Amino acid sequence: MEYKLATSTWGKEEINAIQEVIYTDKFSMGPKVEEYEKQFASFFGSKYGVMCSSGSTANLLMVASLFFSKNPKLKLGDEIIVPAVSWSTTYFPLQQYGLNLKFVDIDIDTLNYNLVDLESAINSKTKGIMVVNLLGNSNDFNIINGLIKDKDIVIIEDNCESMGAKLDGKFTGTFGLMGTFSSFFSHHIATMEGGMVLTDDEEYYHILLCLRAHGWTRNLPDKNHVSNKSDEWFEESFRFVLPGYNVRPLEMSGAIGIEQLKKLPSFIDMRRENAQVFIKLFKNDDRFIIQKEIGESSWFGFSLIINDKSISRKSIIKLLGNNNIDCRPIVTGNFTRNQVMKYFNYSIHNNLDNADKLHDSGLFVGNSHTDLTKELNYLKRIIG
């Protein structure tokens, strides 16, 4: 028996969508990407969506845009709070734009912010909070919004692992000024490579459009918040107004996304059903700490943090590998323990004890859009 980390979500619809694009002989971002952006934003209840090449570049665009609005939310040297556990490209754009990162510990049960530590970390220097919804699980935005009430602090969301999660009926990725999503193979939907930024703010929407493609004006509406466009198409073809990138998606990815989005509700339903099986199997197993759901998780995967000193993680990993069960570290563990930190301007608030525990004793197994009842029971049987 095998229990894989991830499986393909594609069917004949996605293959046909790719073929339709091939017939057009136009592969760069075009009408399929634009249609997918509109449908994606509508699905999640946002006004605007900007597709890009990955969830990582979605984070890059989101962070960069905060520096280029008429009244910039961030500037060089500002302090932004981040959780100690997330993916590398949650942090890299913040470092690349010269921000000072303040790392805050996680809650060992939810794997999101330790809200007591978060509250004490916020001070007069705090200009932003990067909120990461980890492994499909929403943060408690009711509490977080209360902590920054009447403060000039911008909230942005890295929602790349939590597409489809909800809190009080509202989708994660839509609580902050902007939120990012990923459609990499192992995520909730797959568009080969692909990311998305959602926002309700028209100015930031226009900035994102400009930054995504070279910083030029070509892809901006005639009336926009970034530049005064002329009616001369030739002049506007190569006119650059922001220091942008080329992180455009492929037209194929947009076409695939249209088909995948149709299936997303059923994918999330199945992931939640799998989660109920996992919880039933492990909730009373005191050897492990499993993730506690906030709101309605979309259950990216299933975490197991060893809570028994007589069990070594190395032995568990070997046991799983010998029995064809895929596993991985829980994201990056405590990110501050990576060698790359020598390039960061950062501080650690209080301590990162829970992040360290996760780093040293945690692992996760996959979830899927298909029924994993057999695989999860197999996992439990192998672990004992």
Protein backbone atom coordinates (compact mmCIF):
# COMPACT_ATOMS: atom_id res chain seq x y z
CA MET A 1 0.00 0.00 0.00
CA GLU A 2 1.06 3.59 -0.68
CA TYR A 3 0.11 6.89 0.95
CA LYS A 4 1.40 9.70 -1.26
CA LEU A 5 1.96 13.29 -0.25
CA ALA A 6 -0.11 14.57 -3.19
CA THR A 7 -1.92 13.31 -6.27
CA SER A 8 -3.00 14.94 -9.51
CA THR A 9 -6.28 16.87 -9.50
CA TRP A 10 -6.53 16.93 -13.29
CA GLY A 11 -9.01 15.18 -15.56
CA LYS A 12 -9.86 15.35 -19.25
CA GLU A 13 -11.22 18.88 -18.80
CA GLU A 14 -7.78 20.28 -17.98
CA ILE A 15 -6.14 18.42 -20.89
CA ASN A 16 -8.78 19.78 -23.26
CA ALA A 17 -8.25 23.29 -21.87
CA ILE A 18 -4.52 23.03 -22.61
CA GLN A 19 -5.24 21.80 -26.11
CA GLU A 20 -7.54 24.74 -26.81
CA VAL A 21 -4.72 27.12 -25.95
CA ILE A 22 -2.29 25.18 -28.16
CA TYR A 23 -4.68 25.60 -31.10
CA THR A 24 -4.57 29.38 -30.68
CA ASP A 25 -0.75 29.39 -30.87
CA LYS A 26 -0.72 32.18 -28.24
CA PHE A 27 0.84 31.06 -24.97
CA SER A 28 1.56 34.27 -23.07
CA MET A 29 -0.96 35.67 -20.63
CA GLY A 30 -4.21 36.46 -22.43
CA PRO A 31 -8.01 36.11 -22.28
CA LYS A 32 -8.00 32.79 -20.38
CA VAL A 33 -5.88 34.30 -17.61
CA GLU A 34 -8.16 37.34 -17.47
CA GLU A 35 -11.26 35.16 -17.25
CA TYR A 36 -9.71 33.01 -14.53
CA GLU A 37 -8.80 36.11 -12.52
CA LYS A 38 -12.38 37.34 -12.66
CA GLN A 39 -13.85 33.96 -11.72
CA PHE A 40 -11.33 33.43 -8.91
CA ALA A 41 -11.99 36.85 -7.38
CA SER A 42 -15.75 36.31 -7.64
CA PHE A 43 -15.53 32.86 -6.04
CA PHE A 44 -13.68 34.21 -3.01
CA GLY A 45 -15.74 37.38 -2.73
CA SER A 46 -13.05 39.89 -3.75
CA LYS A 47 -13.19 42.68 -6.31
CA TYR A 48 -9.87 42.07 -8.04
CA GLY A 49 -7.56 39.17 -8.79
CA VAL A 50 -4.09 39.26 -10.35
CA MET A 51 -2.66 35.94 -11.49
CA CYS A 52 1.10 35.43 -11.59
CA SER A 53 3.64 32.68 -12.05
CA SER A 54 3.55 31.20 -8.51
CA GLY A 55 2.44 31.71 -4.94
CA SER A 56 5.98 32.90 -4.23
CA THR A 57 5.77 35.66 -6.83
CA ALA A 58 2.31 36.50 -5.55
CA ASN A 59 3.95 37.27 -2.19
CA LEU A 60 6.63 39.30 -3.99
CA LEU A 61 4.04 41.42 -5.82
CA MET A 62 1.96 41.88 -2.67
CA VAL A 63 4.92 43.11 -0.61
CA ALA A 64 6.34 45.27 -3.40
CA SER A 65 3.01 47.01 -4.01
CA LEU A 66 2.98 48.32 -0.43
CA PHE A 67 5.96 50.55 -1.31
CA PHE A 68 4.45 52.15 -4.42
CA SER A 69 1.02 53.45 -3.49
CA LYS A 70 0.42 57.21 -3.34
CA ASN A 71 0.57 56.88 0.46
CA PRO A 72 2.94 53.91 0.90
CA LYS A 73 2.07 51.49 3.68
CA LEU A 74 5.72 50.51 4.15
CA LYS A 75 9.16 52.00 3.64
CA LEU A 76 12.75 50.81 3.97
CA GLY A 77 13.58 49.80 7.54
CA ASP A 78 10.00 49.44 8.78
CA GLU A 79 9.14 46.67 11.23
CA ILE A 80 6.81 43.90 10.14
CA ILE A 81 5.70 41.00 12.35
CA VAL A 82 5.93 37.48 10.95
CA PRO A 83 5.23 34.01 12.37
CA ALA A 84 8.24 31.81 13.08
CA VAL A 85 6.84 28.98 10.93
CA SER A 86 6.05 29.46 7.26
CA TRP A 87 7.47 28.87 3.79
CA SER A 88 10.67 30.64 2.74
CA THR A 89 9.01 32.94 0.23
CA THR A 90 6.75 34.34 2.91
CA TYR A 91 9.88 36.01 4.26
CA PHE A 92 12.15 36.61 1.27
CA PRO A 93 10.24 39.54 -0.31
CA LEU A 94 10.18 41.26 3.08
CA GLN A 95 13.95 40.88 3.37
CA GLN A 96 14.49 41.93 -0.24
CA TYR A 97 12.57 45.16 0.37
CA GLY A 98 14.68 46.05 3.38
CA LEU A 99 12.15 45.48 6.14
CA ASN A 100 12.97 44.49 9.70
CA LEU A 101 11.26 41.21 10.52
CA LYS A 102 10.07 40.51 14.04
CA PHE A 103 9.54 36.77 14.50
CA VAL A 104 6.73 35.68 16.82
CA ASP A 105 6.10 32.17 18.11
CA ILE A 106 3.25 29.93 17.01
CA ASP A 107 0.51 28.25 18.99
CA ILE A 108 1.44 24.56 19.27
CA ASP A 109 -2.17 23.49 18.67
CA THR A 110 -3.29 25.72 15.79
CA LEU A 111 0.21 26.20 14.26
CA ASN A 112 -0.72 29.84 13.61
CA TYR A 113 0.22 32.89 15.67
CA ASN A 114 0.48 32.56 19.42
CA LEU A 115 -1.96 35.40 20.02
CA VAL A 116 -0.61 36.31 23.46
CA ASP A 117 2.88 36.74 22.00
CA LEU A 118 1.48 38.58 19.00
CA GLU A 119 -0.28 41.08 21.22
CA SER A 120 2.87 41.80 23.22
CA ALA A 121 4.95 42.08 20.02
CA ILE A 122 2.88 44.93 18.61
CA ASN A 123 4.31 48.34 19.45
CA SER A 124 4.67 51.84 18.04
CA LYS A 125 7.28 50.62 15.53
CA THR A 126 5.01 47.96 14.05
CA LYS A 127 3.88 48.91 10.54
CA GLY A 128 2.61 45.58 9.26
CA ILE A 129 1.65 42.02 10.16
CA MET A 130 2.13 39.16 7.74
CA VAL A 131 -0.58 36.66 8.65
CA VAL A 132 0.09 33.11 7.43
CA ASN A 133 -2.75 30.59 7.48
CA LEU A 134 -0.77 27.39 7.96
CA LEU A 135 -1.68 23.97 6.51
CA GLY A 136 -5.22 25.06 5.60
CA ASN A 137 -6.04 26.62 8.97
CA SER A 138 -7.36 30.14 9.42
CA ASN A 139 -5.89 32.51 11.98
CA ASP A 140 -8.32 34.06 14.45
CA PHE A 141 -8.84 37.33 12.62
CA ASN A 142 -11.45 38.48 15.11
CA ILE A 143 -8.75 38.65 17.77
CA ILE A 144 -6.03 39.95 15.43
CA ASN A 145 -8.23 42.78 14.16
CA GLY A 146 -9.00 43.68 17.76
CA LEU A 147 -5.28 43.91 18.53
CA ILE A 148 -4.67 46.48 15.80
CA LYS A 149 -7.88 48.47 16.25
CA ASP A 150 -7.17 52.20 15.90
CA LYS A 151 -3.55 51.45 14.92
CA ASP A 152 -1.99 52.25 11.54
CA ILE A 153 -0.91 48.67 10.87
CA VAL A 154 -1.44 46.93 7.55
CA ILE A 155 -2.51 43.27 7.47
CA ILE A 156 -1.44 41.11 4.53
CA GLU A 157 -2.12 37.39 4.19
CA ASP A 158 -0.07 34.51 2.88
CA ASN A 159 -2.89 32.09 2.17
CA CYS A 160 -0.94 29.84 -0.19
CA GLU A 161 -1.58 26.71 1.90
CA SER A 162 -5.18 27.50 2.80
CA MET A 163 -7.26 27.98 -0.31
CA GLY A 164 -10.92 27.42 0.61
CA ALA A 165 -10.54 27.84 4.38
CA LYS A 166 -13.14 30.03 6.10
CA LEU A 167 -13.69 31.92 9.33
CA ASP A 168 -17.26 32.96 10.15
CA GLY A 169 -18.26 32.24 6.55
CA LYS A 170 -15.54 34.46 5.05
CA PHE A 171 -12.70 32.98 3.00
CA THR A 172 -9.16 33.33 4.26
CA GLY A 173 -7.02 35.37 1.92
CA THR A 174 -9.64 38.13 2.00
CA PHE A 175 -9.21 39.45 5.55
CA GLY A 176 -6.22 41.69 4.87
CA LEU A 177 -5.52 44.48 2.41
CA MET A 178 -4.28 41.73 0.08
CA GLY A 179 -4.01 37.96 0.20
CA THR A 180 -2.03 35.45 -1.82
CA PHE A 181 -2.82 31.98 -3.15
CA SER A 182 -0.85 29.18 -4.78
CA SER A 183 -1.88 26.60 -7.37
CA PHE A 184 1.24 24.44 -7.33
CA PHE A 185 0.82 20.69 -7.91
CA SER A 186 0.55 19.67 -4.25
CA HIS A 187 -1.89 22.43 -3.31
CA HIS A 188 -5.70 22.53 -3.36
CA ILE A 189 -5.87 23.13 -7.11
CA ALA A 190 -3.07 22.90 -9.68
CA THR A 191 -2.37 25.07 -12.73
CA MET A 192 1.13 23.66 -13.44
CA GLU A 193 2.65 26.69 -11.70
CA GLY A 194 0.58 29.66 -10.62
CA GLY A 195 -0.31 32.18 -7.96
CA MET A 196 -2.95 34.83 -7.31
CA VAL A 197 -3.25 38.05 -5.35
CA LEU A 198 -6.70 39.19 -4.25
CA THR A 199 -7.63 42.68 -3.09
CA ASP A 200 -10.63 44.98 -2.86
CA ASP A 201 -8.48 48.08 -3.32
CA GLU A 202 -8.42 49.44 -6.86
CA GLU A 203 -5.14 51.34 -6.44
CA TYR A 204 -3.31 48.22 -5.29
CA TYR A 205 -4.93 46.25 -8.10
CA HIS A 206 -3.43 48.64 -10.65
CA ILE A 207 -0.03 48.59 -8.94
CA LEU A 208 -0.05 44.78 -9.00
CA LEU A 209 -0.91 44.76 -12.72
CA CYS A 210 1.99 47.11 -13.42
CA LEU A 211 4.53 45.28 -11.25
CA ARG A 212 3.60 41.89 -12.69
CA ALA A 213 4.70 42.84 -16.21
CA HIS A 214 7.94 44.86 -16.27
CA GLY A 215 6.54 47.90 -14.47
CA TRP A 216 5.19 49.16 -17.78
CA THR A 217 1.88 50.86 -18.46
CA ARG A 218 0.70 48.58 -21.25
CA ASN A 219 -1.53 46.37 -19.12
CA LEU A 220 -3.10 49.21 -17.13
CA PRO A 221 -6.62 50.53 -17.79
CA ASP A 222 -6.75 53.89 -19.57
CA LYS A 223 -7.76 55.50 -16.30
CA ASN A 224 -5.68 54.14 -13.44
CA HIS A 225 -3.99 55.03 -10.17
CA VAL A 226 -0.42 54.52 -11.41
CA SER A 227 0.12 56.70 -14.47
CA ASN A 228 -1.51 59.17 -16.83
CA LYS A 229 -1.79 57.05 -19.96
CA SER A 230 -1.84 58.77 -23.31
CA ASP A 231 -3.89 57.71 -26.31
CA GLU A 232 -0.69 56.94 -28.22
CA TRP A 233 -0.36 53.16 -28.22
CA PHE A 234 3.17 53.31 -29.57
CA GLU A 235 4.40 55.47 -26.69
CA GLU A 236 2.65 53.30 -24.11
CA SER A 237 4.09 50.06 -25.50
CA PHE A 238 7.44 50.42 -23.72
CA ARG A 239 6.75 53.03 -21.04
CA PHE A 240 8.01 52.07 -17.58
CA VAL A 241 6.73 53.70 -14.39
CA LEU A 242 7.48 51.21 -11.58
CA PRO A 243 10.47 48.90 -10.90
CA GLY A 244 8.58 45.75 -11.78
CA TYR A 245 9.20 42.13 -12.75
CA ASN A 246 8.15 39.63 -15.35
CA VAL A 247 6.15 37.16 -13.30
CA ARG A 248 3.28 36.74 -15.75
CA PRO A 249 1.49 33.37 -15.88
CA LEU A 250 1.09 31.26 -18.98
CA GLU A 251 -2.22 31.28 -20.83
CA MET A 252 -2.37 27.51 -20.32
CA SER A 253 -2.31 28.01 -16.57
CA GLY A 254 -5.27 30.36 -16.75
CA ALA A 255 -7.22 27.89 -18.88
CA ILE A 256 -6.48 25.07 -16.44
CA GLY A 257 -7.45 27.29 -13.52
CA ILE A 258 -10.91 27.89 -14.97
CA GLU A 259 -11.54 24.13 -14.94
CA GLN A 260 -9.94 23.53 -11.55
CA LEU A 261 -11.98 26.26 -9.90
CA LYS A 262 -15.18 24.45 -10.90
CA LYS A 263 -13.98 21.44 -8.93
CA LEU A 264 -12.63 23.28 -5.89
CA PRO A 265 -15.80 23.02 -3.73
CA SER A 266 -15.85 19.23 -4.07
CA PHE A 267 -12.09 19.08 -3.46
CA ILE A 268 -12.48 21.00 -0.20
CA ASP A 269 -15.42 18.87 0.91
CA MET A 270 -13.35 15.71 0.43
CA ARG A 271 -10.36 17.16 2.26
CA ARG A 272 -12.62 18.01 5.19
CA GLU A 273 -14.08 14.49 5.19
CA ASN A 274 -10.56 13.05 5.24
CA ALA A 275 -9.76 15.34 8.16
CA GLN A 276 -12.61 13.90 10.19
CA VAL A 277 -11.14 10.43 9.69
CA PHE A 278 -7.68 11.65 10.71
CA ILE A 279 -9.00 13.42 13.82
CA LYS A 280 -10.98 10.38 14.91
CA LEU A 281 -7.89 8.19 14.60
CA PHE A 282 -5.45 10.50 16.39
CA LYS A 283 -7.36 12.83 18.70
CA ASN A 284 -6.95 10.53 21.72
CA ASP A 285 -3.39 9.48 20.89
CA ASP A 286 -1.39 11.36 23.53
CA ARG A 287 1.86 10.59 21.75
CA PHE A 288 1.08 13.27 19.17
CA ILE A 289 -0.25 16.82 19.00
CA ILE A 290 -2.50 17.31 15.98
CA GLN A 291 -3.62 20.61 14.54
CA LYS A 292 -6.64 22.27 16.12
CA GLU A 293 -9.04 23.74 13.59
CA ILE A 294 -10.01 27.41 13.65
CA GLY A 295 -13.19 28.10 11.69
CA GLU A 296 -13.36 25.74 8.70
CA SER A 297 -9.92 24.50 7.70
CA SER A 298 -9.28 23.39 4.13
CA TRP A 299 -6.74 20.88 5.54
CA PHE A 300 -3.67 21.17 3.34
CA GLY A 301 -2.19 18.19 5.18
CA PHE A 302 -2.16 16.46 8.56
CA SER A 303 0.49 17.40 11.09
CA LEU A 304 1.85 15.18 13.84
CA ILE A 305 4.05 16.71 16.54
CA ILE A 306 5.64 14.03 18.71
CA ASN A 307 4.75 14.61 22.35
CA ASP A 308 6.40 11.52 23.81
CA LYS A 309 10.10 11.68 24.70
CA SER A 310 10.43 7.92 24.25
CA ILE A 311 9.71 8.29 20.50
CA SER A 312 12.26 9.75 18.09
CA ARG A 313 11.15 11.51 14.95
CA LYS A 314 13.93 9.79 13.04
CA SER A 315 12.42 6.39 13.89
CA ILE A 316 8.95 7.53 12.80
CA ILE A 317 10.27 8.89 9.49
CA LYS A 318 12.12 5.62 8.83
CA LEU A 319 9.02 3.60 9.72
CA LEU A 320 6.84 5.60 7.37
CA GLY A 321 9.39 5.47 4.55
CA ASN A 322 9.75 1.69 4.87
CA ASN A 323 5.99 1.40 4.47
CA ASN A 324 5.56 3.73 1.47
CA ILE A 325 4.04 6.61 3.42
CA ASP A 326 5.27 10.03 2.28
CA CYS A 327 5.99 12.68 4.91
CA ARG A 328 7.69 16.05 5.12
CA PRO A 329 8.78 18.59 7.75
CA ILE A 330 5.98 20.95 8.80
CA VAL A 331 6.74 23.68 6.27
CA THR A 332 10.22 25.00 7.20
CA GLY A 333 10.04 24.37 10.92
CA ASN A 334 11.41 27.32 12.88
CA PHE A 335 12.58 29.43 9.96
CA THR A 336 15.07 31.41 12.03
CA ARG A 337 17.21 28.28 12.33
CA ASN A 338 18.03 28.44 8.61
CA GLN A 339 21.47 29.59 7.46
CA VAL A 340 19.88 32.22 5.21
CA MET A 341 19.03 34.32 8.28
CA LYS A 342 22.51 35.87 8.14
CA TYR A 343 21.15 38.06 5.32
CA PHE A 344 18.14 39.31 7.30
CA ASN A 345 17.55 42.29 9.54
CA TYR A 346 15.41 40.69 12.21
CA SER A 347 14.57 40.25 15.86
CA ILE A 348 12.97 37.44 17.85
CA HIS A 349 10.16 38.39 20.20
CA ASN A 350 10.32 36.59 23.55
CA ASN A 351 11.16 33.02 22.59
CA LEU A 352 10.22 30.54 19.87
CA ASP A 353 9.72 27.47 22.04
CA ASN A 354 6.72 26.11 20.16
CA ALA A 355 8.34 26.69 16.79
CA ASP A 356 11.39 24.81 18.08
CA LYS A 357 9.24 21.92 19.27
CA LEU A 358 7.58 21.73 15.85
CA HIS A 359 10.99 22.02 14.18
CA ASP A 360 12.51 19.16 16.17
CA SER A 361 9.51 16.86 16.62
CA GLY A 362 7.04 17.61 13.84
CA LEU A 363 6.13 16.10 10.48
CA PHE A 364 3.12 16.06 8.24
CA VAL A 365 1.45 13.65 5.83
CA GLY A 366 -0.62 14.59 2.83
CA ASN A 367 -4.28 15.24 2.21
CA SER A 368 -6.10 14.88 -1.08
CA HIS A 369 -9.24 15.57 -3.09
CA THR A 370 -9.83 11.79 -3.02
CA ASP A 371 -11.03 9.55 -0.20
CA LEU A 372 -8.09 8.67 2.06
CA THR A 373 -9.92 6.49 4.56
CA LYS A 374 -7.82 3.43 3.71
CA GLU A 375 -4.56 5.37 3.69
CA LEU A 376 -5.24 7.06 7.03
CA ASN A 377 -6.16 3.79 8.70
CA TYR A 378 -2.99 2.32 7.21
CA LEU A 379 -1.00 5.21 8.70
CA LYS A 380 -2.48 4.59 12.13
CA ARG A 381 -1.84 0.88 11.90
CA ILE A 382 1.82 1.40 10.93
CA ILE A 383 2.44 3.95 13.69
CA GLY A 384 0.67 1.69 16.16
